[in-house]
Amino acid sequence: MRRFYLLGFLVLMGFDTLAQVSFKLAANHALPMDLSAAWLARVASEPWIYGAFVGYIGAFFTWMALLRHAPIGPAYAATHLEIVSVMLCSVWLFGEHISALQGVGAVLIVAGIVCLAIAESRQGGAAVKDDGGAGASADALPADASSSISR
């Protein structure tokens, strides 16, 4: 299961990073910004905008697969690795600089995710229950949530 999580979060981070870098590249190529039909056509003709769509769609399906098995707290925290990967890509692709404060922030993000992962592994993943594909039953939900599902 650890390999599943590791691979899943790496794929998720890759898709999220692809989306953000693609948006930046599409924005750079679509300048100057002008809210007109011509500008929208220019954006639509940019291949990088489709990279952003692929990134978001891939991230969505990867996230749904991960949530099937992963505890949501550490899983949600791990999605913030995208901040670090996008920051590193911005240095490499766009020549941006990382300040000392940004570097400290990136280290804190990674350290926080590591702390959450260690805590989760010590608990033995007790919060994770594989229901064999049945999904959450209405019996496992609070009364107000199960009634809204049946509507």
C-alpha atoms as a PDB file:
ATOM      1  CA  MET A   1       0.000   0.000   0.000  1.00  0.00           C
ATOM      2  CA  ARG A   2       2.922   2.355   0.658  1.00  0.00           C
ATOM      3  CA  ARG A   3       4.018   2.016  -2.964  1.00  0.00           C
ATOM      4  CA  PHE A   4       0.490   2.869  -4.049  1.00  0.00           C
ATOM      5  CA  TYR A   5       0.543   6.031  -1.927  1.00  0.00           C
ATOM      6  CA  LEU A   6       4.030   7.042  -3.014  1.00  0.00           C
ATOM      7  CA  LEU A   7       3.354   6.456  -6.695  1.00  0.00           C
ATOM      8  CA  GLY A   8      -0.078   8.052  -6.450  1.00  0.00           C
ATOM      9  CA  PHE A   9       1.187  11.208  -4.780  1.00  0.00           C
ATOM     10  CA  LEU A  10       4.079  11.494  -7.241  1.00  0.00           C
ATOM     11  CA  VAL A  11       1.633  11.205 -10.145  1.00  0.00           C
ATOM     12  CA  LEU A  12      -0.709  13.721  -8.485  1.00  0.00           C
ATOM     13  CA  MET A  13       2.165  16.142  -7.928  1.00  0.00           C
ATOM     14  CA  GLY A  14       3.221  15.680 -11.561  1.00  0.00           C
ATOM     15  CA  PHE A  15      -0.259  16.445 -12.883  1.00  0.00           C
ATOM     16  CA  ASP A  16      -0.681  19.460 -10.590  1.00  0.00           C
ATOM     17  CA  THR A  17       2.742  20.790 -11.554  1.00  0.00           C
ATOM     18  CA  LEU A  18       2.006  20.257 -15.253  1.00  0.00           C
ATOM     19  CA  ALA A  19      -1.202  22.261 -14.892  1.00  0.00           C
ATOM     20  CA  GLN A  20       0.428  25.228 -13.147  1.00  0.00           C
ATOM     21  CA  VAL A  21       3.493  25.370 -15.414  1.00  0.00           C
ATOM     22  CA  SER A  22       1.264  25.032 -18.481  1.00  0.00           C
ATOM     23  CA  PHE A  23      -0.907  27.928 -17.311  1.00  0.00           C
ATOM     24  CA  LYS A  24       2.199  30.071 -16.880  1.00  0.00           C
ATOM     25  CA  LEU A  25       3.497  29.170 -20.346  1.00  0.00           C
ATOM     26  CA  ALA A  26       0.078  29.732 -21.937  1.00  0.00           C
ATOM     27  CA  ALA A  27      -0.213  33.106 -20.204  1.00  0.00           C
ATOM     28  CA  ASN A  28       3.254  34.135 -21.386  1.00  0.00           C
ATOM     29  CA  HIS A  29       2.427  33.223 -24.982  1.00  0.00           C
ATOM     30  CA  ALA A  30      -1.017  34.855 -24.928  1.00  0.00           C
ATOM     31  CA  LEU A  31       0.252  38.322 -23.978  1.00  0.00           C
ATOM     32  CA  PRO A  32      -0.830  41.052 -24.178  1.00  0.00           C
ATOM     33  CA  MET A  33      -4.001  40.206 -22.309  1.00  0.00           C
ATOM     34  CA  ASP A  34      -7.080  41.699 -23.869  1.00  0.00           C
ATOM     35  CA  LEU A  35     -10.582  40.542 -23.030  1.00  0.00           C
ATOM     36  CA  SER A  36     -11.661  40.139 -26.618  1.00  0.00           C
ATOM     37  CA  ALA A  37     -12.612  37.332 -28.968  1.00  0.00           C
ATOM     38  CA  ALA A  38      -9.200  37.613 -30.636  1.00  0.00           C
ATOM     39  CA  TRP A  39      -7.412  37.107 -27.321  1.00  0.00           C
ATOM     40  CA  LEU A  40      -9.633  34.117 -26.430  1.00  0.00           C
ATOM     41  CA  ALA A  41      -8.832  32.608 -29.836  1.00  0.00           C
ATOM     42  CA  ARG A  42      -5.127  33.197 -29.177  1.00  0.00           C
ATOM     43  CA  VAL A  43      -5.402  31.443 -25.805  1.00  0.00           C
ATOM     44  CA  ALA A  44      -7.358  28.545 -27.336  1.00  0.00           C
ATOM     45  CA  SER A  45      -4.678  28.122 -30.002  1.00  0.00           C
ATOM     46  CA  GLU A  46      -1.949  27.839 -27.357  1.00  0.00           C
ATOM     47  CA  PRO A  47      -0.926  24.197 -26.890  1.00  0.00           C
ATOM     48  CA  TRP A  48       0.040  24.910 -23.274  1.00  0.00           C
ATOM     49  CA  ILE A  49      -3.574  25.600 -22.302  1.00  0.00           C
ATOM     50  CA  TYR A  50      -4.348  21.990 -23.209  1.00  0.00           C
ATOM     51  CA  GLY A  51      -1.438  20.873 -21.041  1.00  0.00           C
ATOM     52  CA  ALA A  52      -3.190  22.653 -18.181  1.00  0.00           C
ATOM     53  CA  PHE A  53      -6.442  20.819 -18.941  1.00  0.00           C
ATOM     54  CA  VAL A  54      -4.626  17.475 -19.045  1.00  0.00           C
ATOM     55  CA  GLY A  55      -2.947  18.334 -15.746  1.00  0.00           C
ATOM     56  CA  TYR A  56      -6.216  19.192 -14.011  1.00  0.00           C
ATOM     57  CA  ILE A  57      -8.116  16.197 -15.395  1.00  0.00           C
ATOM     58  CA  GLY A  58      -5.259  13.847 -14.525  1.00  0.00           C
ATOM     59  CA  ALA A  59      -5.004  15.345 -11.043  1.00  0.00           C
ATOM     60  CA  PHE A  60      -8.753  14.916 -10.520  1.00  0.00           C
ATOM     61  CA  PHE A  61      -8.768  11.210 -11.377  1.00  0.00           C
ATOM     62  CA  THR A  62      -5.548  10.551  -9.465  1.00  0.00           C
ATOM     63  CA  TRP A  63      -6.957  12.332  -6.399  1.00  0.00           C
ATOM     64  CA  MET A  64     -10.178  10.294  -6.583  1.00  0.00           C
ATOM     65  CA  ALA A  65      -8.172   7.047  -6.721  1.00  0.00           C
ATOM     66  CA  LEU A  66      -5.999   8.109  -3.785  1.00  0.00           C
ATOM     67  CA  LEU A  67      -8.979   9.108  -1.645  1.00  0.00           C
ATOM     68  CA  ARG A  68     -10.373   5.623  -2.087  1.00  0.00           C
ATOM     69  CA  HIS A  69      -7.607   4.292   0.184  1.00  0.00           C
ATOM     70  CA  ALA A  70      -5.663   7.138   1.796  1.00  0.00           C
ATOM     71  CA  PRO A  71      -6.641   8.889   5.024  1.00  0.00           C
ATOM     72  CA  ILE A  72      -7.807  12.352   4.022  1.00  0.00           C
ATOM     73  CA  GLY A  73      -5.744  14.412   6.506  1.00  0.00           C
ATOM     74  CA  PRO A  74      -2.264  13.331   5.404  1.00  0.00           C
ATOM     75  CA  ALA A  75      -3.469  12.951   1.820  1.00  0.00           C
ATOM     76  CA  TYR A  76      -4.681  16.535   1.652  1.00  0.00           C
ATOM     77  CA  ALA A  77      -1.452  17.770   3.205  1.00  0.00           C
ATOM     78  CA  ALA A  78       0.590  15.840   0.636  1.00  0.00           C
ATOM     79  CA  THR A  79      -1.202  17.639  -2.182  1.00  0.00           C
ATOM     80  CA  HIS A  80       0.650  20.759  -1.088  1.00  0.00           C
ATOM     81  CA  LEU A  81       3.910  19.290  -2.379  1.00  0.00           C
ATOM     82  CA  GLU A  82       2.772  20.937  -5.604  1.00  0.00           C
ATOM     83  CA  ILE A  83       3.804  24.272  -4.103  1.00  0.00           C
ATOM     84  CA  VAL A  84       7.365  23.042  -3.764  1.00  0.00           C
ATOM     85  CA  SER A  85       7.498  21.371  -7.188  1.00  0.00           C
ATOM     86  CA  VAL A  86       6.073  24.432  -8.960  1.00  0.00           C
ATOM     87  CA  MET A  87       8.545  26.663  -7.136  1.00  0.00           C
ATOM     88  CA  LEU A  88      11.455  24.466  -8.255  1.00  0.00           C
ATOM     89  CA  CYS A  89      10.146  24.333 -11.833  1.00  0.00           C
ATOM     90  CA  SER A  90       9.835  28.119 -11.865  1.00  0.00           C
ATOM     91  CA  VAL A  91      13.551  28.380 -11.118  1.00  0.00           C
ATOM     92  CA  TRP A  92      14.451  25.870 -13.808  1.00  0.00           C
ATOM     93  CA  LEU A  93      12.027  26.935 -16.554  1.00  0.00           C
ATOM     94  CA  PHE A  94      11.487  30.640 -15.946  1.00  0.00           C
ATOM     95  CA  GLY A  95      14.694  31.739 -14.255  1.00  0.00           C
ATOM     96  CA  GLU A  96      12.854  32.840 -11.125  1.00  0.00           C
ATOM     97  CA  HIS A  97      14.739  33.067  -7.845  1.00  0.00           C
ATOM     98  CA  ILE A  98      13.899  31.455  -4.518  1.00  0.00           C
ATOM     99  CA  SER A  99      14.287  33.735  -1.521  1.00  0.00           C
ATOM    100  CA  ALA A 100      15.480  32.434   1.832  1.00  0.00           C
ATOM    101  CA  LEU A 101      11.948  32.784   3.196  1.00  0.00           C
ATOM    102  CA  GLN A 102      10.514  30.774   0.292  1.00  0.00           C
ATOM    103  CA  GLY A 103      13.151  28.100   0.888  1.00  0.00           C
ATOM    104  CA  VAL A 104      12.252  27.913   4.569  1.00  0.00           C
ATOM    105  CA  GLY A 105       8.575  27.677   3.638  1.00  0.00           C
ATOM    106  CA  ALA A 106       9.260  24.819   1.223  1.00  0.00           C
ATOM    107  CA  VAL A 107      11.255  22.951   3.865  1.00  0.00           C
ATOM    108  CA  LEU A 108       8.428  23.455   6.383  1.00  0.00           C
ATOM    109  CA  ILE A 109       5.859  22.113   3.902  1.00  0.00           C
ATOM    110  CA  VAL A 110       7.916  18.978   3.300  1.00  0.00           C
ATOM    111  CA  ALA A 111       8.645  18.576   7.031  1.00  0.00           C
ATOM    112  CA  GLY A 112       4.948  18.909   7.866  1.00  0.00           C
ATOM    113  CA  ILE A 113       3.999  16.263   5.336  1.00  0.00           C
ATOM    114  CA  VAL A 114       6.707  13.931   6.658  1.00  0.00           C
ATOM    115  CA  CYS A 115       5.447  14.454  10.234  1.00  0.00           C
ATOM    116  CA  LEU A 116       1.882  13.637   9.196  1.00  0.00           C
ATOM    117  CA  ALA A 117       3.036  10.527   7.319  1.00  0.00           C
ATOM    118  CA  ILE A 118       5.049   9.309  10.317  1.00  0.00           C
ATOM    119  CA  ALA A 119       2.106   9.886  12.658  1.00  0.00           C
ATOM    120  CA  GLU A 120      -0.217   8.029  10.302  1.00  0.00           C
ATOM    121  CA  SER A 121       2.161   5.068  10.006  1.00  0.00           C
ATOM    122  CA  ARG A 122       2.491   4.872  13.808  1.00  0.00           C
ATOM    123  CA  GLN A 123      -1.288   4.729  14.108  1.00  0.00           C
ATOM    124  CA  GLY A 124      -1.226   1.862  11.649  1.00  0.00           C
ATOM    125  CA  GLY A 125      -3.596   3.561   9.258  1.00  0.00           C
ATOM    126  CA  ALA A 126      -6.472   2.863  11.650  1.00  0.00           C
ATOM    127  CA  ALA A 127      -8.576   5.531   9.981  1.00  0.00           C
ATOM    128  CA  VAL A 128      -8.370   3.734   6.638  1.00  0.00           C
ATOM    129  CA  LYS A 129     -10.878   0.998   5.989  1.00  0.00           C
ATOM    130  CA  ASP A 130     -11.096  -0.820   2.686  1.00  0.00           C
ATOM    131  CA  ASP A 131     -14.739  -1.661   2.131  1.00  0.00           C
ATOM    132  CA  GLY A 132     -14.092  -3.854  -0.882  1.00  0.00           C
ATOM    133  CA  GLY A 133     -15.312  -1.307  -3.389  1.00  0.00           C
ATOM    134  CA  ALA A 134     -18.756  -0.790  -1.910  1.00  0.00           C
ATOM    135  CA  GLY A 135     -18.100   2.830  -0.982  1.00  0.00           C
ATOM    136  CA  ALA A 136     -19.534   4.497   2.082  1.00  0.00           C
ATOM    137  CA  SER A 137     -22.858   3.059   3.095  1.00  0.00           C
ATOM    138  CA  ALA A 138     -25.676   5.251   4.306  1.00  0.00           C
ATOM    139  CA  ASP A 139     -25.431   3.464   7.697  1.00  0.00           C
ATOM    140  CA  ALA A 140     -21.909   4.827   8.199  1.00  0.00           C
ATOM    141  CA  LEU A 141     -22.959   8.432   7.634  1.00  0.00           C
ATOM    142  CA  PRO A 142     -24.504  10.885  10.071  1.00  0.00           C
ATOM    143  CA  ALA A 143     -28.304  10.942   9.918  1.00  0.00           C
ATOM    144  CA  ASP A 144     -28.475  14.294   8.143  1.00  0.00           C
ATOM    145  CA  ALA A 145     -25.915  13.200   5.520  1.00  0.00           C
ATOM    146  CA  SER A 146     -27.626   9.889   4.734  1.00  0.00           C
ATOM    147  CA  SER A 147     -31.000  11.568   4.322  1.00  0.00           C
ATOM    148  CA  SER A 148     -29.574  14.027   1.820  1.00  0.00           C
ATOM    149  CA  ILE A 149     -28.076  11.152  -0.181  1.00  0.00           C
ATOM    150  CA  SER A 150     -31.423   9.395  -0.544  1.00  0.00           C
ATOM    151  CA  ARG A 151     -33.136  12.494  -1.955  1.00  0.00           C
END
